[in-house]
Amino acid sequence: MNGTPRTRVFALTVALVLFAGGIGLAASLAHVGSTSGETRSASVGPAVLADAASGPLGASLTVSPSQVQSGQSIQIQTTATGGVQPYTFSYSGLPGGCSNQNQPSLTCNPTSTGTFTVQASVSDSNGSHTQSNSVSVDVTSSSNNGNGNGKGGGNNSSNPISSLFSGFSGLLPLLLIFGVVGFVTWILLLVGVWIIAITLVRRLPKRGTIGAAEPTTPCAKCSAAIPVGSKFCSECGAATAPKGP
């Protein structure tokens, strides 16, 4: 290289500066590229992995309790899995008193009786749709109380006295009629006996009249007893003998 030593030193210094600047620029560009790639992977990559890992949309339905009386409360719970949130919920087969709501859980008081088959439908934000399992709910009348074996858990047994009278419900009118007729007959019988007794008592001779009977005399012809002083016999009609002087 020609020139003075000062010129050669200046040229070497400029070359070193340019070389160092090129290396720094290349390193900066490489860092910016790697940072943008990491940001892009952080914003897109994990979301894609999360969607892929969630799996297909599914739903499970539970109803507690499954046997109630009319007016009592039940809780309906739907558990959704997979798909992409948020979810949309709807229900079918609900008993009267329970309204369809876009909720994973709802509580209501059934007012109609019978057996109802409840099912939940779930949709996700990607438009996927699925049906849950079906659950039967038995609602019985509130008049069935206790812990019997009916579907609604109520006691179907009734009052023993009521059961007894219900079995004789058809005989009660007849028993009542026969009772009234028997009572009236018994009263009439007592009245008849009383009348007969009074009649017989009245026909009996009065006290003291037996000893004061009128004197009689035998008939001269038929020997029948005739009152003294009678002119003719009441039996044969013969004239009685006149009394002597």
Protein backbone atom coordinates (compact mmCIF):
# COMPACT_ATOMS: atom_id res chain seq x y z
CA MET A 1 0.00 0.00 0.00
CA ASN A 2 1.48 3.38 -1.04
CA GLY A 3 1.29 6.60 0.98
CA THR A 4 2.52 7.95 4.22
CA PRO A 5 2.17 6.04 7.44
CA ARG A 6 -0.53 8.43 8.68
CA THR A 7 -2.63 7.78 5.60
CA ARG A 8 -2.31 4.04 6.00
CA VAL A 9 -3.40 4.20 9.66
CA PHE A 10 -6.51 6.28 8.81
CA ALA A 11 -7.53 3.91 6.06
CA LEU A 12 -7.14 0.90 8.35
CA THR A 13 -9.22 2.59 11.06
CA VAL A 14 -12.09 3.37 8.64
CA ALA A 15 -12.08 -0.23 7.44
CA LEU A 16 -12.32 -1.56 10.99
CA VAL A 17 -15.19 0.81 11.80
CA LEU A 18 -17.13 -0.24 8.71
CA PHE A 19 -16.55 -3.92 9.47
CA ALA A 20 -17.76 -3.54 13.06
CA GLY A 21 -20.82 -1.57 11.92
CA GLY A 22 -21.76 -4.28 9.42
CA ILE A 23 -21.54 -6.97 12.06
CA GLY A 24 -23.74 -4.95 14.47
CA LEU A 25 -26.37 -4.27 11.78
CA ALA A 26 -26.55 -7.93 10.90
CA ALA A 27 -26.96 -8.89 14.54
CA SER A 28 -29.75 -6.31 15.01
CA LEU A 29 -31.66 -7.56 11.99
CA ALA A 30 -31.35 -11.14 13.21
CA HIS A 31 -32.71 -10.17 16.65
CA VAL A 32 -35.67 -8.29 15.18
CA GLY A 33 -36.57 -11.24 12.99
CA SER A 34 -36.41 -13.71 15.84
CA THR A 35 -38.53 -11.44 18.07
CA SER A 36 -41.26 -11.04 15.46
CA GLY A 37 -41.28 -14.79 14.90
CA GLU A 38 -41.68 -15.44 18.61
CA THR A 39 -44.51 -12.89 18.83
CA ARG A 40 -46.28 -14.45 15.90
CA SER A 41 -45.95 -17.91 17.36
CA ALA A 42 -47.18 -16.67 20.74
CA SER A 43 -50.31 -15.06 19.25
CA VAL A 44 -51.24 -17.72 16.72
CA GLY A 45 -49.55 -20.97 17.61
CA PRO A 46 -50.92 -21.49 21.17
CA ALA A 47 -54.50 -20.68 20.10
CA VAL A 48 -54.34 -23.25 17.34
CA LEU A 49 -52.89 -25.80 19.76
CA ALA A 50 -55.58 -25.02 22.36
CA ASP A 51 -58.38 -25.52 19.80
CA ALA A 52 -56.83 -28.75 18.62
CA ALA A 53 -56.37 -30.03 22.18
CA SER A 54 -59.97 -29.23 23.28
CA GLY A 55 -61.41 -32.04 21.17
CA PRO A 56 -64.92 -32.42 19.78
CA LEU A 57 -67.86 -30.72 21.47
CA GLY A 58 -69.65 -32.84 24.09
CA ALA A 59 -72.34 -32.33 26.76
CA SER A 60 -73.54 -34.16 29.86
CA LEU A 61 -76.88 -33.49 31.61
CA THR A 62 -77.85 -34.14 35.25
CA VAL A 63 -81.17 -33.43 37.04
CA SER A 64 -81.36 -33.47 40.83
CA PRO A 65 -83.59 -34.83 42.20
CA SER A 66 -85.16 -36.90 39.44
CA GLN A 67 -88.32 -37.64 41.49
CA VAL A 68 -90.20 -34.71 43.05
CA GLN A 69 -93.66 -33.59 44.03
CA SER A 70 -95.43 -30.79 42.22
CA GLY A 71 -94.17 -27.43 43.48
CA GLN A 72 -90.83 -28.71 44.74
CA SER A 73 -87.61 -27.44 43.09
CA ILE A 74 -85.22 -29.30 40.81
CA GLN A 75 -81.76 -28.32 39.52
CA ILE A 76 -80.77 -28.94 35.91
CA GLN A 77 -77.01 -28.88 35.20
CA THR A 78 -75.32 -29.17 31.78
CA THR A 79 -71.54 -29.73 31.55
CA ALA A 80 -70.05 -28.88 28.13
CA THR A 81 -66.59 -30.07 27.05
CA GLY A 82 -64.44 -29.52 23.95
CA GLY A 83 -65.29 -27.19 21.13
CA VAL A 84 -64.60 -23.46 21.32
CA GLN A 85 -66.21 -21.26 23.96
CA PRO A 86 -68.53 -19.49 24.53
CA TYR A 87 -71.28 -22.10 24.50
CA THR A 88 -75.00 -21.71 23.79
CA PHE A 89 -77.47 -23.86 25.76
CA SER A 90 -81.09 -24.85 25.14
CA TYR A 91 -83.39 -27.47 26.72
CA SER A 92 -86.28 -29.65 25.59
CA GLY A 93 -88.83 -31.81 27.43
CA LEU A 94 -88.98 -29.53 30.48
CA PRO A 95 -92.03 -29.95 32.79
CA GLY A 96 -94.49 -27.13 33.24
CA GLY A 97 -93.11 -24.38 35.46
CA CYS A 98 -89.57 -24.73 34.02
CA SER A 99 -88.65 -22.32 31.18
CA ASN A 100 -85.97 -22.82 28.54
CA GLN A 101 -82.91 -20.64 29.27
CA ASN A 102 -79.48 -20.13 27.72
CA GLN A 103 -77.73 -21.20 30.92
CA PRO A 104 -75.62 -24.22 31.86
CA SER A 105 -77.49 -24.47 35.16
CA LEU A 106 -81.07 -23.58 36.09
CA THR A 107 -83.42 -24.19 39.02
CA CYS A 108 -87.20 -24.36 38.69
CA ASN A 109 -90.37 -25.64 40.40
CA PRO A 110 -92.39 -28.09 38.23
CA THR A 111 -96.14 -27.45 38.34
CA SER A 112 -97.40 -30.23 36.05
CA THR A 113 -97.38 -33.93 36.96
CA GLY A 114 -96.14 -36.85 34.89
CA THR A 115 -92.90 -38.26 33.51
CA PHE A 116 -90.77 -35.84 31.46
CA THR A 117 -87.68 -36.59 29.34
CA VAL A 118 -85.29 -33.64 29.55
CA GLN A 119 -82.42 -33.14 27.08
CA ALA A 120 -79.91 -30.32 26.58
CA SER A 121 -78.54 -28.96 23.28
CA VAL A 122 -75.14 -27.22 23.22
CA SER A 123 -73.53 -25.16 20.44
CA ASP A 124 -70.08 -23.54 20.44
CA SER A 125 -68.71 -20.42 18.74
CA ASN A 126 -67.50 -22.45 15.73
CA GLY A 127 -71.06 -23.58 14.99
CA SER A 128 -70.61 -27.13 16.29
CA HIS A 129 -73.73 -28.67 17.80
CA THR A 130 -74.29 -31.62 20.14
CA GLN A 131 -77.03 -33.24 22.21
CA SER A 132 -76.64 -34.37 25.81
CA ASN A 133 -77.92 -37.57 27.38
CA SER A 134 -81.64 -37.74 28.20
CA VAL A 135 -82.80 -37.69 31.84
CA SER A 136 -86.29 -38.73 33.03
CA VAL A 137 -87.97 -36.57 35.67
CA ASP A 138 -91.03 -37.89 37.57
CA VAL A 139 -93.34 -35.25 39.04
CA THR A 140 -96.15 -36.48 41.29
CA SER A 141 -99.06 -34.69 42.88
CA SER A 142 -98.37 -32.85 46.12
CA SER A 143 -101.30 -34.70 47.76
CA ASN A 144 -99.18 -37.87 47.89
CA ASN A 145 -97.24 -37.51 51.14
CA GLY A 146 -94.74 -39.68 52.98
CA ASN A 147 -92.18 -42.16 51.66
CA GLY A 148 -94.20 -44.65 49.69
CA ASN A 149 -93.21 -46.58 46.60
CA GLY A 150 -94.82 -44.29 44.06
CA LYS A 151 -92.79 -42.71 41.27
CA GLY A 152 -92.80 -39.37 42.97
CA GLY A 153 -91.55 -40.82 46.26
CA GLY A 154 -94.90 -40.06 47.90
CA ASN A 155 -96.85 -42.35 50.14
CA ASN A 156 -99.79 -43.89 48.35
CA SER A 157 -101.24 -45.42 51.55
CA SER A 158 -104.44 -43.91 52.87
CA ASN A 159 -106.15 -43.71 56.21
CA PRO A 160 -107.24 -47.23 57.31
CA ILE A 161 -110.62 -45.91 58.46
CA SER A 162 -111.15 -44.18 55.13
CA SER A 163 -110.21 -47.37 53.30
CA LEU A 164 -112.68 -49.36 55.41
CA PHE A 165 -115.57 -46.96 54.72
CA SER A 166 -114.66 -46.69 51.06
CA GLY A 167 -115.03 -50.47 50.77
CA PHE A 168 -118.52 -50.31 52.30
CA SER A 169 -119.58 -47.14 50.52
CA GLY A 170 -122.16 -49.04 48.48
CA LEU A 171 -123.65 -50.75 51.55
CA LEU A 172 -123.98 -47.70 53.74
CA PRO A 173 -127.25 -46.45 52.14
CA LEU A 174 -128.82 -49.92 52.50
CA LEU A 175 -127.71 -50.22 56.11
CA LEU A 176 -129.15 -46.81 56.83
CA ILE A 177 -132.50 -47.72 55.27
CA PHE A 178 -132.72 -51.03 57.14
CA GLY A 179 -131.80 -49.28 60.37
CA VAL A 180 -134.58 -46.72 60.00
CA VAL A 181 -137.16 -49.38 59.05
CA GLY A 182 -136.12 -51.56 61.99
CA PHE A 183 -136.37 -48.66 64.43
CA VAL A 184 -139.84 -47.68 63.22
CA THR A 185 -141.00 -51.33 63.38
CA TRP A 186 -139.72 -51.64 66.94
CA ILE A 187 -141.60 -48.47 67.98
CA LEU A 188 -144.85 -49.71 66.36
CA LEU A 189 -144.48 -53.07 68.10
CA LEU A 190 -144.12 -51.40 71.49
CA VAL A 191 -147.15 -49.23 70.84
CA GLY A 192 -149.23 -52.27 69.78
CA VAL A 193 -148.24 -54.25 72.88
CA TRP A 194 -149.09 -51.25 75.06
CA ILE A 195 -152.56 -50.88 73.48
CA ILE A 196 -153.31 -54.60 73.85
CA ALA A 197 -152.23 -54.55 77.49
CA ILE A 198 -154.43 -51.54 78.25
CA THR A 199 -157.43 -53.19 76.57
CA LEU A 200 -157.03 -56.39 78.55
CA VAL A 201 -156.66 -54.50 81.79
CA ARG A 202 -159.85 -52.57 81.14
CA ARG A 203 -161.82 -55.78 80.52
CA LEU A 204 -160.86 -57.33 83.81
CA PRO A 205 -163.60 -57.19 86.52
CA LYS A 206 -163.25 -54.45 88.98
CA ARG A 207 -162.04 -55.19 92.46
CA GLY A 208 -164.96 -56.27 94.75
CA THR A 209 -167.43 -57.05 91.98
CA ILE A 210 -166.79 -60.81 92.08
CA GLY A 211 -168.11 -61.29 95.62
CA ALA A 212 -171.15 -59.08 94.92
CA ALA A 213 -172.56 -61.29 92.14
CA GLU A 214 -176.36 -61.53 91.86
CA PRO A 215 -177.89 -64.68 93.63
CA THR A 216 -179.12 -67.44 91.31
CA THR A 217 -181.50 -70.38 91.56
CA PRO A 218 -181.58 -73.62 89.49
CA CYS A 219 -184.13 -73.98 86.76
CA ALA A 220 -186.78 -76.58 87.55
CA LYS A 221 -186.57 -77.96 84.02
CA CYS A 222 -182.90 -77.75 82.88
CA SER A 223 -181.20 -77.00 86.21
CA ALA A 224 -179.44 -73.98 84.70
CA ALA A 225 -178.55 -71.19 87.09
CA ILE A 226 -180.89 -68.29 86.66
CA PRO A 227 -180.99 -65.06 88.66
CA VAL A 228 -183.42 -65.01 91.50
CA GLY A 229 -186.60 -63.23 90.49
CA SER A 230 -186.35 -64.17 86.79
CA LYS A 231 -189.62 -65.30 85.27
CA PHE A 232 -188.12 -67.41 82.53
CA CYS A 233 -184.98 -69.54 82.25
CA SER A 234 -182.37 -67.99 80.01
CA GLU A 235 -181.28 -71.43 78.82
CA CYS A 236 -184.49 -73.39 78.11
CA GLY A 237 -187.09 -70.63 78.33
CA ALA A 238 -189.23 -72.46 80.88
CA ALA A 239 -191.25 -70.39 83.29
CA THR A 240 -189.91 -70.35 86.78
CA ALA A 241 -192.16 -71.52 89.61
CA PRO A 242 -193.80 -68.68 91.46
CA LYS A 243 -192.76 -68.11 95.00
CA GLY A 244 -195.08 -69.42 97.68
CA PRO A 245 -197.13 -67.21 100.08
